[in-house]
């Protein structure tokens, strides 16, 4: 296998994303077009490198990467209306 790769620009670089395959969220660190073949025949694939909250990076197919939207916060002083 040849160690060939190239960086690919992506609109979500350095942003919080979700890997829809695993459900894990993290920061998109890089998108790389890599030769993933372990044979003589080359097979190229765009892989997304995501850094999870633990600090460890994992890869997934670029098609699995979607923006992770923050959940709306409930005001700290708000009471649960069902308890009144």
PDB file of N, CA and C in Angstrom:
ATOM      1  N   UNK A   1       0.851  -1.186   0.000  1.00  0.00           N
ATOM      2  CA  UNK A   1       0.000   0.000   0.000  1.00  0.00           C
ATOM      3  C   UNK A   1       0.890   1.240   0.000  1.00  0.00           C
ATOM      4  N   UNK A   2       0.641   2.130  -0.893  1.00  0.00           N
ATOM      5  CA  UNK A   2       1.415   3.365  -0.918  1.00  0.00           C
ATOM      6  C   UNK A   2       0.838   4.344   0.098  1.00  0.00           C
ATOM      7  N   UNK A   3       1.667   5.126   0.682  1.00  0.00           N
ATOM      8  CA  UNK A   3       1.251   6.104   1.689  1.00  0.00           C
ATOM      9  C   UNK A   3       0.974   7.440   1.014  1.00  0.00           C
ATOM     10  N   UNK A   4      -0.080   7.492   0.212  1.00  0.00           N
ATOM     11  CA  UNK A   4      -0.418   8.705  -0.508  1.00  0.00           C
ATOM     12  C   UNK A   4      -1.697   9.291   0.046  1.00  0.00           C
ATOM     13  N   UNK A   5      -1.707  10.600   0.143  1.00  0.00           N
ATOM     14  CA  UNK A   5      -2.910  11.290   0.604  1.00  0.00           C
ATOM     15  C   UNK A   5      -2.829  12.751   0.204  1.00  0.00           C
ATOM     16  N   UNK A   6      -3.979  13.418   0.263  1.00  0.00           N
ATOM     17  CA  UNK A   6      -4.018  14.858   0.020  1.00  0.00           C
ATOM     18  C   UNK A   6      -5.140  15.459   0.848  1.00  0.00           C
ATOM     19  N   UNK A   7      -4.886  16.647   1.389  1.00  0.00           N
ATOM     20  CA  UNK A   7      -5.893  17.356   2.174  1.00  0.00           C
ATOM     21  C   UNK A   7      -6.951  17.939   1.242  1.00  0.00           C
ATOM     22  N   UNK A   8      -8.200  17.907   1.700  1.00  0.00           N
ATOM     23  CA  UNK A   8      -9.328  18.393   0.909  1.00  0.00           C
ATOM     24  C   UNK A   8     -10.032  19.485   1.712  1.00  0.00           C
ATOM     25  N   UNK A   9     -10.328  20.639   1.110  1.00  0.00           N
ATOM     26  CA  UNK A   9     -11.058  21.676   1.841  1.00  0.00           C
ATOM     27  C   UNK A   9     -12.489  21.212   2.140  1.00  0.00           C
ATOM     28  N   UNK A  10     -13.036  21.662   3.266  1.00  0.00           N
ATOM     29  CA  UNK A  10     -14.400  21.295   3.649  1.00  0.00           C
ATOM     30  C   UNK A  10     -15.005  22.454   4.429  1.00  0.00           C
ATOM     31  N   UNK A  11     -16.284  22.722   4.212  1.00  0.00           N
ATOM     32  CA  UNK A  11     -16.938  23.873   4.841  1.00  0.00           C
ATOM     33  C   UNK A  11     -17.086  23.734   6.349  1.00  0.00           C
ATOM     34  N   UNK A  12     -16.970  22.533   6.900  1.00  0.00           N
ATOM     35  CA  UNK A  12     -17.158  22.328   8.342  1.00  0.00           C
ATOM     36  C   UNK A  12     -15.851  22.144   9.110  1.00  0.00           C
ATOM     37  N   UNK A  13     -14.719  22.392   8.474  1.00  0.00           N
ATOM     38  CA  UNK A  13     -13.437  22.264   9.180  1.00  0.00           C
ATOM     39  C   UNK A  13     -13.417  23.147  10.423  1.00  0.00           C
ATOM     40  N   UNK A  14     -12.902  22.573  11.506  1.00  0.00           N
ATOM     41  CA  UNK A  14     -12.784  23.261  12.812  1.00  0.00           C
ATOM     42  C   UNK A  14     -14.138  23.601  13.430  1.00  0.00           C
ATOM     43  N   UNK A  15     -15.185  22.930  12.986  1.00  0.00           N
ATOM     44  CA  UNK A  15     -16.529  23.130  13.554  1.00  0.00           C
ATOM     45  C   UNK A  15     -17.007  21.850  14.198  1.00  0.00           C
ATOM     46  N   UNK A  16     -17.985  21.991  15.072  1.00  0.00           N
ATOM     47  CA  UNK A  16     -18.575  20.844  15.749  1.00  0.00           C
ATOM     48  C   UNK A  16     -19.473  20.082  14.772  1.00  0.00           C
ATOM     49  N   UNK A  17     -19.217  18.762  14.676  1.00  0.00           N
ATOM     50  CA  UNK A  17     -19.953  17.915  13.748  1.00  0.00           C
ATOM     51  C   UNK A  17     -20.416  16.641  14.457  1.00  0.00           C
ATOM     52  N   UNK A  18     -21.309  15.927  13.786  1.00  0.00           N
ATOM     53  CA  UNK A  18     -21.776  14.620  14.272  1.00  0.00           C
ATOM     54  C   UNK A  18     -21.541  13.591  13.176  1.00  0.00           C
ATOM     55  N   UNK A  19     -21.000  12.452  13.590  1.00  0.00           N
ATOM     56  CA  UNK A  19     -20.863  11.308  12.694  1.00  0.00           C
ATOM     57  C   UNK A  19     -22.169  10.540  12.778  1.00  0.00           C
ATOM     58  N   UNK A  20     -22.958  10.560  11.706  1.00  0.00           N
ATOM     59  CA  UNK A  20     -24.272   9.934  11.766  1.00  0.00           C
ATOM     60  C   UNK A  20     -24.184   8.410  11.854  1.00  0.00           C
ATOM     61  N   UNK A  21     -23.064   7.828  11.473  1.00  0.00           N
ATOM     62  CA  UNK A  21     -22.904   6.377  11.558  1.00  0.00           C
ATOM     63  C   UNK A  21     -22.787   5.914  13.007  1.00  0.00           C
ATOM     64  N   UNK A  22     -22.078   6.677  13.832  1.00  0.00           N
ATOM     65  CA  UNK A  22     -21.863   6.284  15.230  1.00  0.00           C
ATOM     66  C   UNK A  22     -22.624   7.146  16.224  1.00  0.00           C
ATOM     67  N   UNK A  23     -23.055   8.341  15.791  1.00  0.00           N
ATOM     68  CA  UNK A  23     -23.732   9.266  16.691  1.00  0.00           C
ATOM     69  C   UNK A  23     -22.788  10.090  17.535  1.00  0.00           C
ATOM     70  N   UNK A  24     -21.500   9.931  17.352  1.00  0.00           N
ATOM     71  CA  UNK A  24     -20.498  10.648  18.141  1.00  0.00           C
ATOM     72  C   UNK A  24     -20.304  12.053  17.586  1.00  0.00           C
ATOM     73  N   UNK A  25     -20.177  13.026  18.501  1.00  0.00           N
ATOM     74  CA  UNK A  25     -19.914  14.412  18.104  1.00  0.00           C
ATOM     75  C   UNK A  25     -18.473  14.774  18.421  1.00  0.00           C
ATOM     76  N   UNK A  26     -17.964  15.731  17.656  1.00  0.00           N
ATOM     77  CA  UNK A  26     -16.618  16.220  17.875  1.00  0.00           C
ATOM     78  C   UNK A  26     -16.325  17.348  16.913  1.00  0.00           C
ATOM     79  N   UNK A  27     -15.053  17.690  16.801  1.00  0.00           N
ATOM     80  CA  UNK A  27     -14.614  18.772  15.920  1.00  0.00           C
ATOM     81  C   UNK A  27     -13.955  18.165  14.687  1.00  0.00           C
ATOM     82  N   UNK A  28     -14.393  18.615  13.513  1.00  0.00           N
ATOM     83  CA  UNK A  28     -13.803  18.137  12.268  1.00  0.00           C
ATOM     84  C   UNK A  28     -12.409  18.745  12.122  1.00  0.00           C
ATOM     85  N   UNK A  29     -11.394  17.907  12.189  1.00  0.00           N
ATOM     86  CA  UNK A  29     -10.012  18.368  12.155  1.00  0.00           C
ATOM     87  C   UNK A  29      -9.428  18.389  10.742  1.00  0.00           C
ATOM     88  N   UNK A  30      -9.838  17.433   9.903  1.00  0.00           N
ATOM     89  CA  UNK A  30      -9.290  17.369   8.543  1.00  0.00           C
ATOM     90  C   UNK A  30     -10.157  16.460   7.689  1.00  0.00           C
ATOM     91  N   UNK A  31     -10.096  16.710   6.394  1.00  0.00           N
ATOM     92  CA  UNK A  31     -10.663  15.796   5.407  1.00  0.00           C
ATOM     93  C   UNK A  31      -9.511  15.454   4.471  1.00  0.00           C
ATOM     94  N   UNK A  32      -9.272  14.168   4.330  1.00  0.00           N
ATOM     95  CA  UNK A  32      -8.119  13.715   3.565  1.00  0.00           C
ATOM     96  C   UNK A  32      -8.549  12.678   2.546  1.00  0.00           C
ATOM     97  N   UNK A  33      -8.103  12.855   1.319  1.00  0.00           N
ATOM     98  CA  UNK A  33      -8.310  11.869   0.264  1.00  0.00           C
ATOM     99  C   UNK A  33      -7.161  10.873   0.376  1.00  0.00           C
ATOM    100  N   UNK A  34      -7.466   9.642   0.827  1.00  0.00           N
ATOM    101  CA  UNK A  34      -6.430   8.652   1.113  1.00  0.00           C
ATOM    102  C   UNK A  34      -6.564   7.419   0.242  1.00  0.00           C
ATOM    103  N   UNK A  35      -5.427   6.846  -0.049  1.00  0.00           N
ATOM    104  CA  UNK A  35      -5.395   5.546  -0.694  1.00  0.00           C
ATOM    105  C   UNK A  35      -5.581   4.516   0.415  1.00  0.00           C
ATOM    106  N   UNK A  36      -6.760   3.875   0.467  1.00  0.00           N
ATOM    107  CA  UNK A  36      -7.082   2.941   1.553  1.00  0.00           C
ATOM    108  C   UNK A  36      -6.892   1.484   1.143  1.00  0.00           C
ATOM    109  N   UNK A  37      -6.318   1.242  -0.005  1.00  0.00           N
ATOM    110  CA  UNK A  37      -6.119  -0.115  -0.498  1.00  0.00           C
ATOM    111  C   UNK A  37      -4.905  -0.765   0.157  1.00  0.00           C
ATOM    112  N   UNK A  38      -5.004  -2.064   0.389  1.00  0.00           N
ATOM    113  CA  UNK A  38      -3.830  -2.800   0.868  1.00  0.00           C
ATOM    114  C   UNK A  38      -3.317  -3.752  -0.217  1.00  0.00           C
ATOM    115  N   UNK A  39      -3.718  -3.457  -1.456  1.00  0.00           N
ATOM    116  CA  UNK A  39      -3.259  -4.239  -2.601  1.00  0.00           C
ATOM    117  C   UNK A  39      -2.576  -3.304  -3.593  1.00  0.00           C
ATOM    118  N   UNK A  40      -2.177  -3.830  -4.694  1.00  0.00           N
ATOM    119  CA  UNK A  40      -1.516  -3.021  -5.723  1.00  0.00           C
ATOM    120  C   UNK A  40      -2.495  -2.031  -6.359  1.00  0.00           C
ATOM    121  N   UNK A  41      -3.761  -2.458  -6.508  1.00  0.00           N
ATOM    122  CA  UNK A  41      -4.778  -1.590  -7.089  1.00  0.00           C
ATOM    123  C   UNK A  41      -5.151  -0.496  -6.082  1.00  0.00           C
ATOM    124  N   UNK A  42      -5.009   0.754  -6.497  1.00  0.00           N
ATOM    125  CA  UNK A  42      -5.311   1.872  -5.597  1.00  0.00           C
ATOM    126  C   UNK A  42      -6.808   2.051  -5.431  1.00  0.00           C
ATOM    127  N   UNK A  43      -7.212   2.382  -4.225  1.00  0.00           N
ATOM    128  CA  UNK A  43      -8.610   2.704  -3.926  1.00  0.00           C
ATOM    129  C   UNK A  43      -8.605   3.962  -3.067  1.00  0.00           C
ATOM    130  N   UNK A  44      -9.079   5.054  -3.616  1.00  0.00           N
ATOM    131  CA  UNK A  44      -9.052   6.342  -2.940  1.00  0.00           C
ATOM    132  C   UNK A  44     -10.400   6.634  -2.295  1.00  0.00           C
ATOM    133  N   UNK A  45     -10.350   7.230  -1.112  1.00  0.00           N
ATOM    134  CA  UNK A  45     -11.566   7.547  -0.369  1.00  0.00           C
ATOM    135  C   UNK A  45     -11.334   8.815   0.448  1.00  0.00           C
ATOM    136  N   UNK A  46     -12.357   9.679   0.488  1.00  0.00           N
ATOM    137  CA  UNK A  46     -12.265  10.873   1.322  1.00  0.00           C
ATOM    138  C   UNK A  46     -12.701  10.511   2.739  1.00  0.00           C
ATOM    139  N   UNK A  47     -11.778  10.670   3.683  1.00  0.00           N
ATOM    140  CA  UNK A  47     -12.048  10.361   5.077  1.00  0.00           C
ATOM    141  C   UNK A  47     -12.057  11.639   5.907  1.00  0.00           C
ATOM    142  N   UNK A  48     -12.998  11.714   6.822  1.00  0.00           N
ATOM    143  CA  UNK A  48     -13.077  12.839   7.756  1.00  0.00           C
ATOM    144  C   UNK A  48     -12.435  12.415   9.068  1.00  0.00           C
ATOM    145  N   UNK A  49     -11.569  13.261   9.596  1.00  0.00           N
ATOM    146  CA  UNK A  49     -10.940  13.024  10.896  1.00  0.00           C
ATOM    147  C   UNK A  49     -11.641  13.910  11.917  1.00  0.00           C
ATOM    148  N   UNK A  50     -12.279  13.283  12.899  1.00  0.00           N
ATOM    149  CA  UNK A  50     -13.054  13.999  13.910  1.00  0.00           C
ATOM    150  C   UNK A  50     -12.410  13.776  15.270  1.00  0.00           C
ATOM    151  N   UNK A  51     -12.212  14.853  16.020  1.00  0.00           N
ATOM    152  CA  UNK A  51     -11.671  14.758  17.382  1.00  0.00           C
ATOM    153  C   UNK A  51     -12.832  14.803  18.364  1.00  0.00           C
ATOM    154  N   UNK A  52     -13.052  13.705  19.065  1.00  0.00           N
ATOM    155  CA  UNK A  52     -14.138  13.595  20.036  1.00  0.00           C
ATOM    156  C   UNK A  52     -13.768  14.330  21.334  1.00  0.00           C
ATOM    157  N   UNK A  53     -14.717  14.427  22.245  1.00  0.00           N
ATOM    158  CA  UNK A  53     -14.501  15.117  23.518  1.00  0.00           C
ATOM    159  C   UNK A  53     -13.361  14.491  24.324  1.00  0.00           C
ATOM    160  N   UNK A  54     -13.118  13.211  24.137  1.00  0.00           N
ATOM    161  CA  UNK A  54     -12.044  12.512  24.855  1.00  0.00           C
ATOM    162  C   UNK A  54     -10.665  12.947  24.373  1.00  0.00           C
ATOM    163  N   UNK A  55     -10.612  13.616  23.212  1.00  0.00           N
ATOM    164  CA  UNK A  55      -9.336  14.026  22.632  1.00  0.00           C
ATOM    165  C   UNK A  55      -8.826  13.054  21.576  1.00  0.00           C
ATOM    166  N   UNK A  56      -9.445  11.896  21.480  1.00  0.00           N
ATOM    167  CA  UNK A  56      -9.038  10.913  20.481  1.00  0.00           C
ATOM    168  C   UNK A  56      -9.718  11.211  19.152  1.00  0.00           C
ATOM    169  N   UNK A  57      -8.977  11.018  18.077  1.00  0.00           N
ATOM    170  CA  UNK A  57      -9.539  11.235  16.748  1.00  0.00           C
ATOM    171  C   UNK A  57      -9.965   9.908  16.142  1.00  0.00           C
ATOM    172  N   UNK A  58     -11.017   9.964  15.351  1.00  0.00           N
ATOM    173  CA  UNK A  58     -11.476   8.791  14.625  1.00  0.00           C
ATOM    174  C   UNK A  58     -11.828   9.225  13.216  1.00  0.00           C
ATOM    175  N   UNK A  59     -11.932   8.259  12.329  1.00  0.00           N
ATOM    176  CA  UNK A  59     -12.257   8.563  10.936  1.00  0.00           C
ATOM    177  C   UNK A  59     -13.633   8.028  10.595  1.00  0.00           C
ATOM    178  N   UNK A  60     -14.232   8.670   9.616  1.00  0.00           N
ATOM    179  CA  UNK A  60     -15.506   8.236   9.059  1.00  0.00           C
ATOM    180  C   UNK A  60     -15.574   8.743   7.635  1.00  0.00           C
ATOM    181  N   UNK A  61     -16.489   8.204   6.870  1.00  0.00           N
ATOM    182  CA  UNK A  61     -16.689   8.691   5.508  1.00  0.00           C
ATOM    183  C   UNK A  61     -17.213  10.123   5.556  1.00  0.00           C
ATOM    184  N   UNK A  62     -16.785  10.944   4.640  1.00  0.00           N
ATOM    185  CA  UNK A  62     -17.203  12.346   4.616  1.00  0.00           C
ATOM    186  C   UNK A  62     -18.721  12.464   4.517  1.00  0.00           C
ATOM    187  N   UNK A  63     -19.367  11.542   3.835  1.00  0.00           N
ATOM    188  CA  UNK A  63     -20.825  11.582   3.692  1.00  0.00           C
ATOM    189  C   UNK A  63     -21.544  11.421   5.033  1.00  0.00           C
ATOM    190  N   UNK A  64     -20.865  10.891   6.040  1.00  0.00           N
ATOM    191  CA  UNK A  64     -21.462  10.707   7.370  1.00  0.00           C
ATOM    192  C   UNK A  64     -21.369  11.945   8.257  1.00  0.00           C
ATOM    193  N   UNK A  65     -20.688  12.979   7.804  1.00  0.00           N
ATOM    194  CA  UNK A  65     -20.441  14.160   8.634  1.00  0.00           C
ATOM    195  C   UNK A  65     -21.524  15.207   8.419  1.00  0.00           C
ATOM    196  N   UNK A  66     -22.160  15.601   9.519  1.00  0.00           N
ATOM    197  CA  UNK A  66     -23.194  16.634   9.494  1.00  0.00           C
ATOM    198  C   UNK A  66     -22.941  17.623  10.622  1.00  0.00           C
ATOM    199  N   UNK A  67     -23.365  18.879  10.463  1.00  0.00           N
ATOM    200  CA  UNK A  67     -23.178  19.848  11.552  1.00  0.00           C
ATOM    201  C   UNK A  67     -23.909  19.379  12.811  1.00  0.00           C
ATOM    202  N   UNK A  68     -23.286  19.612  13.956  1.00  0.00           N
ATOM    203  CA  UNK A  68     -23.921  19.292  15.242  1.00  0.00           C
ATOM    204  C   UNK A  68     -24.461  20.598  15.806  1.00  0.00           C
ATOM    205  N   UNK A  69     -25.740  20.651  15.973  1.00  0.00           N
ATOM    206  CA  UNK A  69     -26.361  21.868  16.482  1.00  0.00           C
ATOM    207  C   UNK A  69     -26.514  21.773  17.984  1.00  0.00           C
ATOM    208  N   UNK A  70     -26.258  22.871  18.655  1.00  0.00           N
ATOM    209  CA  UNK A  70     -26.380  22.909  20.106  1.00  0.00           C
ATOM    210  C   UNK A  70     -27.836  22.767  20.509  1.00  0.00           C
ATOM    211  N   UNK A  71     -28.080  22.069  21.584  1.00  0.00           N
ATOM    212  CA  UNK A  71     -29.426  21.937  22.122  1.00  0.00           C
ATOM    213  C   UNK A  71     -29.798  23.222  22.837  1.00  0.00           C
ATOM    214  N   UNK A  72     -31.046  23.688  22.716  1.00  0.00           N
ATOM    215  CA  UNK A  72     -31.441  24.914  23.409  1.00  0.00           C
ATOM    216  C   UNK A  72     -31.367  24.722  24.918  1.00  0.00           C
ATOM    217  N   UNK A  73     -30.889  25.738  25.604  1.00  0.00           N
ATOM    218  CA  UNK A  73     -30.749  25.700  27.053  1.00  0.00           C
ATOM    219  C   UNK A  73     -32.011  26.222  27.713  1.00  0.00           C
ATOM    220  N   UNK A  74     -32.414  25.609  28.800  1.00  0.00           N
ATOM    221  CA  UNK A  74     -33.558  26.079  29.580  1.00  0.00           C
ATOM    222  C   UNK A  74     -33.017  27.068  30.603  1.00  0.00           C
ATOM    223  N   UNK A  75     -33.728  28.168  30.801  1.00  0.00           N
ATOM    224  CA  UNK A  75     -33.286  29.186  31.764  1.00  0.00           C
ATOM    225  C   UNK A  75     -33.087  28.549  33.133  1.00  0.00           C
ATOM    226  N   UNK A  76     -32.044  28.954  33.836  1.00  0.00           N
ATOM    227  CA  UNK A  76     -31.682  28.347  35.115  1.00  0.00           C
ATOM    228  C   UNK A  76     -32.767  28.529  36.170  1.00  0.00           C
ATOM    229  N   UNK A  77     -33.461  29.651  36.164  1.00  0.00           N
ATOM    230  CA  UNK A  77     -34.461  29.921  37.186  1.00  0.00           C
ATOM    231  C   UNK A  77     -35.860  29.467  36.818  1.00  0.00           C
ATOM    232  N   UNK A  78     -36.021  28.855  35.685  1.00  0.00           N
ATOM    233  CA  UNK A  78     -37.343  28.457  35.223  1.00  0.00           C
ATOM    234  C   UNK A  78     -37.856  27.249  36.004  1.00  0.00           C
ATOM    235  N   UNK A  79     -39.099  27.314  36.440  1.00  0.00           N
ATOM    236  CA  UNK A  79     -39.699  26.232  37.201  1.00  0.00           C
ATOM    237  C   UNK A  79     -40.431  25.286  36.277  1.00  0.00           C
ATOM    238  N   UNK A  80     -40.534  24.061  36.685  1.00  0.00           N
ATOM    239  CA  UNK A  80     -41.321  23.078  35.947  1.00  0.00           C
ATOM    240  C   UNK A  80     -42.781  23.357  36.245  1.00  0.00           C
ATOM    241  N   UNK A  81     -43.544  23.767  35.237  1.00  0.00           N
ATOM    242  CA  UNK A  81     -44.930  24.200  35.448  1.00  0.00           C
ATOM    243  C   UNK A  81     -45.836  23.057  35.869  1.00  0.00           C
ATOM    244  N   UNK A  82     -45.450  21.825  35.623  1.00  0.00           N
ATOM    245  CA  UNK A  82     -46.290  20.694  36.029  1.00  0.00           C
ATOM    246  C   UNK A  82     -46.256  20.471  37.536  1.00  0.00           C
ATOM    247  N   UNK A  83     -45.239  20.976  38.222  1.00  0.00           N
ATOM    248  CA  UNK A  83     -45.114  20.748  39.660  1.00  0.00           C
ATOM    249  C   UNK A  83     -45.889  21.747  40.492  1.00  0.00           C
ATOM    250  N   UNK A  84     -46.554  22.729  39.887  1.00  0.00           N
ATOM    251  CA  UNK A  84     -47.318  23.721  40.648  1.00  0.00           C
ATOM    252  C   UNK A  84     -48.773  23.364  40.757  1.00  0.00           C
TER     253      UNK A  84
END
